[in-house]
Protein backbone atom coordinates (compact mmCIF):
# COMPACT_ATOMS: atom_id res chain seq x y z
CA UNK A 1 -14.24 -23.98 -12.65
CA UNK A 2 -14.45 -22.45 -9.23
CA UNK A 3 -12.52 -25.42 -7.82
CA UNK A 4 -9.81 -25.00 -10.47
CA UNK A 5 -9.44 -21.33 -9.61
CA UNK A 6 -9.28 -22.25 -5.78
CA UNK A 7 -6.52 -24.89 -6.48
CA UNK A 8 -4.61 -22.41 -8.49
CA UNK A 9 -4.92 -19.67 -5.82
CA UNK A 10 -3.80 -22.01 -3.01
CA UNK A 11 -0.92 -23.41 -5.32
CA UNK A 12 0.21 -19.62 -6.10
CA UNK A 13 0.11 -18.84 -2.42
CA UNK A 14 2.28 -21.73 -1.51
CA UNK A 15 4.75 -20.73 -4.06
CA UNK A 16 4.63 -17.27 -2.76
CA UNK A 17 5.16 -18.51 0.87
CA UNK A 18 8.12 -20.59 -0.17
CA UNK A 19 9.96 -17.81 -2.03
CA UNK A 20 9.19 -14.98 0.72
CA UNK A 21 10.48 -17.33 3.34
CA UNK A 22 13.68 -17.75 1.22
CA UNK A 23 14.03 -14.12 0.78
CA UNK A 24 13.28 -13.48 4.45
CA UNK A 25 15.68 -16.07 5.65
CA UNK A 26 18.52 -14.87 3.11
CA UNK A 27 18.30 -11.32 4.57
CA UNK A 28 17.99 -12.39 8.21
CA UNK A 29 21.18 -14.67 7.77
CA UNK A 30 23.20 -11.98 5.90
CA UNK A 31 22.24 -9.00 8.18
CA UNK A 32 23.06 -6.10 5.86
CA UNK A 33 23.95 -2.97 7.65
CA UNK A 34 20.98 -0.89 6.29
CA UNK A 35 18.45 -3.58 6.68
CA UNK A 36 15.10 -2.81 8.41
CA UNK A 37 14.26 -6.36 9.08
CA UNK A 38 13.42 -6.61 12.70
CA UNK A 39 11.36 -9.34 14.56
CA UNK A 40 8.55 -7.00 14.66
CA UNK A 41 8.46 -6.57 10.70
CA UNK A 42 9.12 -10.28 10.44
CA UNK A 43 6.10 -11.03 12.59
CA UNK A 44 3.94 -8.67 10.84
CA UNK A 45 4.71 -9.83 7.34
CA UNK A 46 3.97 -13.68 8.24
CA UNK A 47 0.92 -12.45 10.26
CA UNK A 48 -0.64 -10.60 7.14
CA UNK A 49 0.25 -13.58 4.90
CA UNK A 50 -1.41 -16.01 7.23
CA UNK A 51 -4.62 -13.73 7.81
CA UNK A 52 -5.09 -13.40 3.99
CA UNK A 53 -4.54 -17.10 3.67
CA UNK A 54 -7.22 -17.76 6.28
CA UNK A 55 -9.59 -15.37 4.59
CA UNK A 56 -9.10 -17.41 1.23
CA UNK A 57 -9.83 -20.52 3.04
CA UNK A 58 -12.95 -19.02 4.77
CA UNK A 59 -14.51 -17.52 1.46
CA UNK A 60 -13.86 -20.81 -0.14
CA UNK A 61 -15.73 -22.65 2.64
CA UNK A 62 -18.69 -20.37 2.46
CA UNK A 63 -18.87 -19.82 -1.27
CA UNK A 64 -20.25 -23.39 -1.88
CA UNK A 65 -23.83 -23.53 -3.39
CA UNK A 66 -24.05 -27.29 -2.40
C-alpha cells in the first residue's frame, strides 16, 4: 500500500509539473501587460517545486522498513 501511494504521488506530481509548465509557458509567450511573471518568480516557482519533489524522494528512500 505504501508503494501504491508513492506511485500515485509521483504520478500526480508529474502531471502537476506538466500543467504548471504549460501555464508558465503560455503566460511567458503571451506577455500580458499586467503580468508579474519575471525570471526571478519563474526560478523560485520551479525551485520550490523541485525541492518538494526531492523531499518526497528522500522520504520514500528512508521510509523503508526492509
